[in-house]
């Protein structure tokens, strides 16, 4: 949903695969672009988590402590 609204900020609601603007009009969108953006967002989250883990480890935290702070 974040990817869809990032690419199409006029979308305010969805019903299944159909998206609507504030006036209730259907908004046509490119599903492939939304999927690509979703993957981009997920990859950025993974990279940010890996960076945080590395920084905490560099500070001397144990793997268990890093996991307690960041999660799996």
PDB file of N, CA and C in Angstrom:
ATOM      1  N   UNK A   1       0.820  -1.190   0.000  1.00  0.00           N
ATOM      2  CA  UNK A   1       0.000   0.000   0.000  1.00  0.00           C
ATOM      3  C   UNK A   1       0.866   1.257   0.000  1.00  0.00           C
ATOM      4  N   UNK A   2       1.991   1.225   0.711  1.00  0.00           N
ATOM      5  CA  UNK A   2       2.877   2.398   0.733  1.00  0.00           C
ATOM      6  C   UNK A   2       3.391   2.709  -0.672  1.00  0.00           C
ATOM      7  N   UNK A   3       3.754   1.677  -1.405  1.00  0.00           N
ATOM      8  CA  UNK A   3       4.275   1.884  -2.754  1.00  0.00           C
ATOM      9  C   UNK A   3       3.215   2.507  -3.651  1.00  0.00           C
ATOM     10  N   UNK A   4       2.003   2.011  -3.540  1.00  0.00           N
ATOM     11  CA  UNK A   4       0.899   2.530  -4.358  1.00  0.00           C
ATOM     12  C   UNK A   4       0.668   4.010  -4.066  1.00  0.00           C
ATOM     13  N   UNK A   5       0.620   4.349  -2.788  1.00  0.00           N
ATOM     14  CA  UNK A   5       0.360   5.749  -2.431  1.00  0.00           C
ATOM     15  C   UNK A   5       1.565   6.649  -2.675  1.00  0.00           C
ATOM     16  N   UNK A   6       2.767   6.078  -2.660  1.00  0.00           N
ATOM     17  CA  UNK A   6       3.954   6.864  -2.988  1.00  0.00           C
ATOM     18  C   UNK A   6       3.926   7.268  -4.460  1.00  0.00           C
ATOM     19  N   UNK A   7       3.586   6.318  -5.308  1.00  0.00           N
ATOM     20  CA  UNK A   7       3.560   6.584  -6.747  1.00  0.00           C
ATOM     21  C   UNK A   7       2.311   7.345  -7.188  1.00  0.00           C
ATOM     22  N   UNK A   8       1.223   7.137  -6.465  1.00  0.00           N
ATOM     23  CA  UNK A   8      -0.053   7.750  -6.832  1.00  0.00           C
ATOM     24  C   UNK A   8      -0.673   8.409  -5.602  1.00  0.00           C
ATOM     25  N   UNK A   9      -0.170   9.581  -5.221  1.00  0.00           N
ATOM     26  CA  UNK A   9      -0.635  10.231  -3.982  1.00  0.00           C
ATOM     27  C   UNK A   9      -2.112  10.625  -4.015  1.00  0.00           C
ATOM     28  N   UNK A  10      -2.717  10.652  -5.189  1.00  0.00           N
ATOM     29  CA  UNK A  10      -4.132  10.994  -5.267  1.00  0.00           C
ATOM     30  C   UNK A  10      -5.025   9.854  -4.776  1.00  0.00           C
ATOM     31  N   UNK A  11      -4.465   8.658  -4.622  1.00  0.00           N
ATOM     32  CA  UNK A  11      -5.246   7.526  -4.150  1.00  0.00           C
ATOM     33  C   UNK A  11      -5.466   7.656  -2.643  1.00  0.00           C
ATOM     34  N   UNK A  12      -6.731   7.579  -2.257  1.00  0.00           N
ATOM     35  CA  UNK A  12      -7.060   7.680  -0.836  1.00  0.00           C
ATOM     36  C   UNK A  12      -7.639   6.388  -0.275  1.00  0.00           C
ATOM     37  N   UNK A  13      -8.135   5.523  -1.150  1.00  0.00           N
ATOM     38  CA  UNK A  13      -8.696   4.259  -0.683  1.00  0.00           C
ATOM     39  C   UNK A  13      -8.601   3.203  -1.781  1.00  0.00           C
ATOM     40  N   UNK A  14      -8.644   1.962  -1.353  1.00  0.00           N
ATOM     41  CA  UNK A  14      -8.639   0.861  -2.307  1.00  0.00           C
ATOM     42  C   UNK A  14      -9.702  -0.156  -1.900  1.00  0.00           C
ATOM     43  N   UNK A  15     -10.147  -0.888  -2.875  1.00  0.00           N
ATOM     44  CA  UNK A  15     -11.067  -1.996  -2.653  1.00  0.00           C
ATOM     45  C   UNK A  15     -10.549  -3.136  -3.523  1.00  0.00           C
ATOM     46  N   UNK A  16      -9.795  -4.031  -2.902  1.00  0.00           N
ATOM     47  CA  UNK A  16      -9.130  -5.063  -3.686  1.00  0.00           C
ATOM     48  C   UNK A  16      -8.046  -4.419  -4.538  1.00  0.00           C
ATOM     49  N   UNK A  17      -8.111  -4.624  -5.825  1.00  0.00           N
ATOM     50  CA  UNK A  17      -7.114  -4.073  -6.747  1.00  0.00           C
ATOM     51  C   UNK A  17      -7.573  -2.757  -7.383  1.00  0.00           C
ATOM     52  N   UNK A  18      -8.706  -2.250  -6.954  1.00  0.00           N
ATOM     53  CA  UNK A  18      -9.241  -1.010  -7.516  1.00  0.00           C
ATOM     54  C   UNK A  18      -8.938   0.127  -6.551  1.00  0.00           C
ATOM     55  N   UNK A  19      -8.406   1.215  -7.097  1.00  0.00           N
ATOM     56  CA  UNK A  19      -8.023   2.372  -6.283  1.00  0.00           C
ATOM     57  C   UNK A  19      -8.922   3.555  -6.626  1.00  0.00           C
ATOM     58  N   UNK A  20      -9.137   4.408  -5.604  1.00  0.00           N
ATOM     59  CA  UNK A  20     -10.021   5.560  -5.783  1.00  0.00           C
ATOM     60  C   UNK A  20      -9.377   6.826  -5.238  1.00  0.00           C
ATOM     61  N   UNK A  21      -9.740   7.960  -5.841  1.00  0.00           N
ATOM     62  CA  UNK A  21      -9.286   9.248  -5.346  1.00  0.00           C
ATOM     63  C   UNK A  21     -10.308   9.784  -4.341  1.00  0.00           C
ATOM     64  N   UNK A  22     -10.094  11.010  -3.861  1.00  0.00           N
ATOM     65  CA  UNK A  22     -10.952  11.596  -2.827  1.00  0.00           C
ATOM     66  C   UNK A  22     -12.387  11.816  -3.305  1.00  0.00           C
ATOM     67  N   UNK A  23     -12.578  11.933  -4.598  1.00  0.00           N
ATOM     68  CA  UNK A  23     -13.923  12.137  -5.136  1.00  0.00           C
ATOM     69  C   UNK A  23     -14.628  10.810  -5.461  1.00  0.00           C
ATOM     70  N   UNK A  24     -13.958   9.700  -5.201  1.00  0.00           N
ATOM     71  CA  UNK A  24     -14.558   8.400  -5.481  1.00  0.00           C
ATOM     72  C   UNK A  24     -14.341   7.903  -6.888  1.00  0.00           C
ATOM     73  N   UNK A  25     -13.516   8.624  -7.639  1.00  0.00           N
ATOM     74  CA  UNK A  25     -13.218   8.213  -9.007  1.00  0.00           C
ATOM     75  C   UNK A  25     -12.153   7.122  -8.993  1.00  0.00           C
ATOM     76  N   UNK A  26     -12.304   6.164  -9.887  1.00  0.00           N
ATOM     77  CA  UNK A  26     -11.314   5.102  -9.994  1.00  0.00           C
ATOM     78  C   UNK A  26     -10.012   5.678 -10.551  1.00  0.00           C
ATOM     79  N   UNK A  27      -8.899   5.275  -9.966  1.00  0.00           N
ATOM     80  CA  UNK A  27      -7.581   5.715 -10.422  1.00  0.00           C
ATOM     81  C   UNK A  27      -6.895   4.521 -11.075  1.00  0.00           C
ATOM     82  N   UNK A  28      -6.529   4.695 -12.326  1.00  0.00           N
ATOM     83  CA  UNK A  28      -5.816   3.643 -13.044  1.00  0.00           C
ATOM     84  C   UNK A  28      -4.333   3.770 -12.689  1.00  0.00           C
ATOM     85  N   UNK A  29      -3.710   2.638 -12.375  1.00  0.00           N
ATOM     86  CA  UNK A  29      -2.298   2.660 -12.009  1.00  0.00           C
ATOM     87  C   UNK A  29      -1.562   1.507 -12.675  1.00  0.00           C
ATOM     88  N   UNK A  30      -0.250   1.632 -12.717  1.00  0.00           N
ATOM     89  CA  UNK A  30       0.622   0.623 -13.324  1.00  0.00           C
ATOM     90  C   UNK A  30       1.060  -0.355 -12.244  1.00  0.00           C
ATOM     91  N   UNK A  31       0.493  -1.548 -12.264  1.00  0.00           N
ATOM     92  CA  UNK A  31       0.785  -2.548 -11.244  1.00  0.00           C
ATOM     93  C   UNK A  31       2.263  -2.927 -11.235  1.00  0.00           C
ATOM     94  N   UNK A  32       2.885  -3.014 -12.404  1.00  0.00           N
ATOM     95  CA  UNK A  32       4.313  -3.355 -12.461  1.00  0.00           C
ATOM     96  C   UNK A  32       5.164  -2.295 -11.779  1.00  0.00           C
ATOM     97  N   UNK A  33       4.799  -1.034 -11.943  1.00  0.00           N
ATOM     98  CA  UNK A  33       5.530   0.052 -11.282  1.00  0.00           C
ATOM     99  C   UNK A  33       5.347  -0.017  -9.775  1.00  0.00           C
ATOM    100  N   UNK A  34       4.145  -0.375  -9.339  1.00  0.00           N
ATOM    101  CA  UNK A  34       3.863  -0.487  -7.904  1.00  0.00           C
ATOM    102  C   UNK A  34       4.673  -1.637  -7.304  1.00  0.00           C
ATOM    103  N   UNK A  35       4.722  -2.767  -7.998  1.00  0.00           N
ATOM    104  CA  UNK A  35       5.495  -3.915  -7.517  1.00  0.00           C
ATOM    105  C   UNK A  35       6.975  -3.569  -7.458  1.00  0.00           C
ATOM    106  N   UNK A  36       7.483  -2.884  -8.472  1.00  0.00           N
ATOM    107  CA  UNK A  36       8.894  -2.479  -8.480  1.00  0.00           C
ATOM    108  C   UNK A  36       9.189  -1.540  -7.311  1.00  0.00           C
ATOM    109  N   UNK A  37       8.290  -0.602  -7.035  1.00  0.00           N
ATOM    110  CA  UNK A  37       8.475   0.341  -5.930  1.00  0.00           C
ATOM    111  C   UNK A  37       8.415  -0.398  -4.592  1.00  0.00           C
ATOM    112  N   UNK A  38       7.515  -1.361  -4.482  1.00  0.00           N
ATOM    113  CA  UNK A  38       7.406  -2.173  -3.276  1.00  0.00           C
ATOM    114  C   UNK A  38       8.716  -2.902  -3.006  1.00  0.00           C
ATOM    115  N   UNK A  39       9.287  -3.483  -4.049  1.00  0.00           N
ATOM    116  CA  UNK A  39      10.569  -4.167  -3.915  1.00  0.00           C
ATOM    117  C   UNK A  39      11.682  -3.200  -3.522  1.00  0.00           C
ATOM    118  N   UNK A  40      11.654  -2.014  -4.096  1.00  0.00           N
ATOM    119  CA  UNK A  40      12.645  -0.978  -3.765  1.00  0.00           C
ATOM    120  C   UNK A  40      12.547  -0.596  -2.288  1.00  0.00           C
ATOM    121  N   UNK A  41      11.333  -0.430  -1.794  1.00  0.00           N
ATOM    122  CA  UNK A  41      11.121  -0.070  -0.391  1.00  0.00           C
ATOM    123  C   UNK A  41      11.622  -1.188   0.527  1.00  0.00           C
ATOM    124  N   UNK A  42      11.293  -2.446   0.190  1.00  0.00           N
ATOM    125  CA  UNK A  42      11.734  -3.581   0.998  1.00  0.00           C
ATOM    126  C   UNK A  42      13.257  -3.682   1.025  1.00  0.00           C
ATOM    127  N   UNK A  43      13.896  -3.494  -0.136  1.00  0.00           N
ATOM    128  CA  UNK A  43      15.358  -3.553  -0.202  1.00  0.00           C
ATOM    129  C   UNK A  43      15.995  -2.446   0.635  1.00  0.00           C
ATOM    130  N   UNK A  44      15.400  -1.273   0.622  1.00  0.00           N
ATOM    131  CA  UNK A  44      15.917  -0.159   1.429  1.00  0.00           C
ATOM    132  C   UNK A  44      15.785  -0.463   2.913  1.00  0.00           C
ATOM    133  N   UNK A  45      14.671  -1.087   3.305  1.00  0.00           N
ATOM    134  CA  UNK A  45      14.484  -1.464   4.711  1.00  0.00           C
ATOM    135  C   UNK A  45      15.504  -2.509   5.137  1.00  0.00           C
ATOM    136  N   UNK A  46      15.769  -3.475   4.271  1.00  0.00           N
ATOM    137  CA  UNK A  46      16.760  -4.516   4.566  1.00  0.00           C
ATOM    138  C   UNK A  46      18.145  -3.899   4.701  1.00  0.00           C
ATOM    139  N   UNK A  47      18.484  -2.988   3.800  1.00  0.00           N
ATOM    140  CA  UNK A  47      19.792  -2.332   3.847  1.00  0.00           C
ATOM    141  C   UNK A  47      19.937  -1.490   5.110  1.00  0.00           C
ATOM    142  N   UNK A  48      18.882  -0.800   5.495  1.00  0.00           N
ATOM    143  CA  UNK A  48      18.933   0.036   6.702  1.00  0.00           C
ATOM    144  C   UNK A  48      19.113  -0.829   7.946  1.00  0.00           C
ATOM    145  N   UNK A  49      18.433  -1.966   7.976  1.00  0.00           N
ATOM    146  CA  UNK A  49      18.551  -2.870   9.112  1.00  0.00           C
ATOM    147  C   UNK A  49      19.961  -3.455   9.183  1.00  0.00           C
ATOM    148  N   UNK A  50      20.506  -3.842   8.045  1.00  0.00           N
ATOM    149  CA  UNK A  50      21.866  -4.393   8.016  1.00  0.00           C
ATOM    150  C   UNK A  50      22.875  -3.343   8.479  1.00  0.00           C
ATOM    151  N   UNK A  51      22.669  -2.107   8.060  1.00  0.00           N
ATOM    152  CA  UNK A  51      23.558  -1.023   8.471  1.00  0.00           C
ATOM    153  C   UNK A  51      23.487  -0.807   9.978  1.00  0.00           C
ATOM    154  N   UNK A  52      22.271  -0.814  10.514  1.00  0.00           N
ATOM    155  CA  UNK A  52      22.104  -0.637  11.963  1.00  0.00           C
ATOM    156  C   UNK A  52      22.755  -1.781  12.730  1.00  0.00           C
ATOM    157  N   UNK A  53      22.574  -2.995  12.238  1.00  0.00           N
ATOM    158  CA  UNK A  53      23.191  -4.153  12.889  1.00  0.00           C
ATOM    159  C   UNK A  53      24.709  -4.031  12.892  1.00  0.00           C
ATOM    160  N   UNK A  54      25.276  -3.630  11.779  1.00  0.00           N
ATOM    161  CA  UNK A  54      26.728  -3.488  11.675  1.00  0.00           C
ATOM    162  C   UNK A  54      27.241  -2.400  12.617  1.00  0.00           C
ATOM    163  N   UNK A  55      26.515  -1.296  12.696  1.00  0.00           N
ATOM    164  CA  UNK A  55      26.938  -0.202  13.578  1.00  0.00           C
ATOM    165  C   UNK A  55      26.883  -0.612  15.049  1.00  0.00           C
ATOM    166  N   UNK A  56      25.828  -1.338  15.432  1.00  0.00           N
ATOM    167  CA  UNK A  56      25.719  -1.795  16.814  1.00  0.00           C
ATOM    168  C   UNK A  56      26.802  -2.820  17.136  1.00  0.00           C
ATOM    169  N   UNK A  57      27.086  -3.695  16.201  1.00  0.00           N
ATOM    170  CA  UNK A  57      28.148  -4.690  16.400  1.00  0.00           C
ATOM    171  C   UNK A  57      29.501  -3.992  16.528  1.00  0.00           C
ATOM    172  N   UNK A  58      29.703  -2.945  15.735  1.00  0.00           N
ATOM    173  CA  UNK A  58      30.964  -2.199  15.796  1.00  0.00           C
ATOM    174  C   UNK A  58      31.128  -1.497  17.138  1.00  0.00           C
ATOM    175  N   UNK A  59      30.013  -1.208  17.799  1.00  0.00           N
ATOM    176  CA  UNK A  59      30.072  -0.602  19.119  1.00  0.00           C
ATOM    177  C   UNK A  59      30.386  -1.623  20.207  1.00  0.00           C
ATOM    178  N   UNK A  60      30.405  -2.906  19.826  1.00  0.00           N
ATOM    179  CA  UNK A  60      30.757  -3.954  20.768  1.00  0.00           C
ATOM    180  C   UNK A  60      29.584  -4.731  21.326  1.00  0.00           C
ATOM    181  N   UNK A  61      28.394  -4.506  20.812  1.00  0.00           N
ATOM    182  CA  UNK A  61      27.245  -5.256  21.283  1.00  0.00           C
ATOM    183  C   UNK A  61      27.315  -6.687  20.778  1.00  0.00           C
ATOM    184  N   UNK A  62      26.828  -7.597  21.585  1.00  0.00           N
ATOM    185  CA  UNK A  62      26.798  -9.005  21.187  1.00  0.00           C
ATOM    186  C   UNK A  62      25.662  -9.205  20.186  1.00  0.00           C
ATOM    187  N   UNK A  63      25.707 -10.310  19.439  1.00  0.00           N
ATOM    188  CA  UNK A  63      24.596 -10.579  18.514  1.00  0.00           C
ATOM    189  C   UNK A  63      23.239 -10.625  19.225  1.00  0.00           C
ATOM    190  N   UNK A  64      23.199 -11.154  20.437  1.00  0.00           N
ATOM    191  CA  UNK A  64      21.939 -11.211  21.191  1.00  0.00           C
ATOM    192  C   UNK A  64      21.455  -9.808  21.534  1.00  0.00           C
ATOM    193  N   UNK A  65      22.372  -8.924  21.891  1.00  0.00           N
ATOM    194  CA  UNK A  65      21.984  -7.544  22.214  1.00  0.00           C
ATOM    195  C   UNK A  65      21.485  -6.814  20.969  1.00  0.00           C
ATOM    196  N   UNK A  66      22.162  -7.041  19.856  1.00  0.00           N
ATOM    197  CA  UNK A  66      21.736  -6.416  18.593  1.00  0.00           C
ATOM    198  C   UNK A  66      20.332  -6.891  18.238  1.00  0.00           C
ATOM    199  N   UNK A  67      20.096  -8.191  18.368  1.00  0.00           N
ATOM    200  CA  UNK A  67      18.782  -8.751  18.066  1.00  0.00           C
ATOM    201  C   UNK A  67      17.716  -8.187  19.001  1.00  0.00           C
ATOM    202  N   UNK A  68      18.069  -8.015  20.258  1.00  0.00           N
ATOM    203  CA  UNK A  68      17.111  -7.455  21.221  1.00  0.00           C
ATOM    204  C   UNK A  68      16.711  -6.038  20.849  1.00  0.00           C
ATOM    205  N   UNK A  69      17.639  -5.282  20.288  1.00  0.00           N
ATOM    206  CA  UNK A  69      17.361  -3.895  19.919  1.00  0.00           C
ATOM    207  C   UNK A  69      16.627  -3.808  18.595  1.00  0.00           C
ATOM    208  N   UNK A  70      17.122  -4.545  17.597  1.00  0.00           N
ATOM    209  CA  UNK A  70      16.602  -4.405  16.234  1.00  0.00           C
ATOM    210  C   UNK A  70      15.574  -5.483  15.889  1.00  0.00           C
ATOM    211  N   UNK A  71      15.731  -6.652  16.450  1.00  0.00           N
ATOM    212  CA  UNK A  71      14.877  -7.775  16.066  1.00  0.00           C
ATOM    213  C   UNK A  71      15.588  -8.606  15.021  1.00  0.00           C
ATOM    214  N   UNK A  72      14.887  -9.599  14.544  1.00  0.00           N
ATOM    215  CA  UNK A  72      15.492 -10.501  13.541  1.00  0.00           C
ATOM    216  C   UNK A  72      15.534  -9.878  12.196  1.00  0.00           C
TER     217      UNK A  72
END
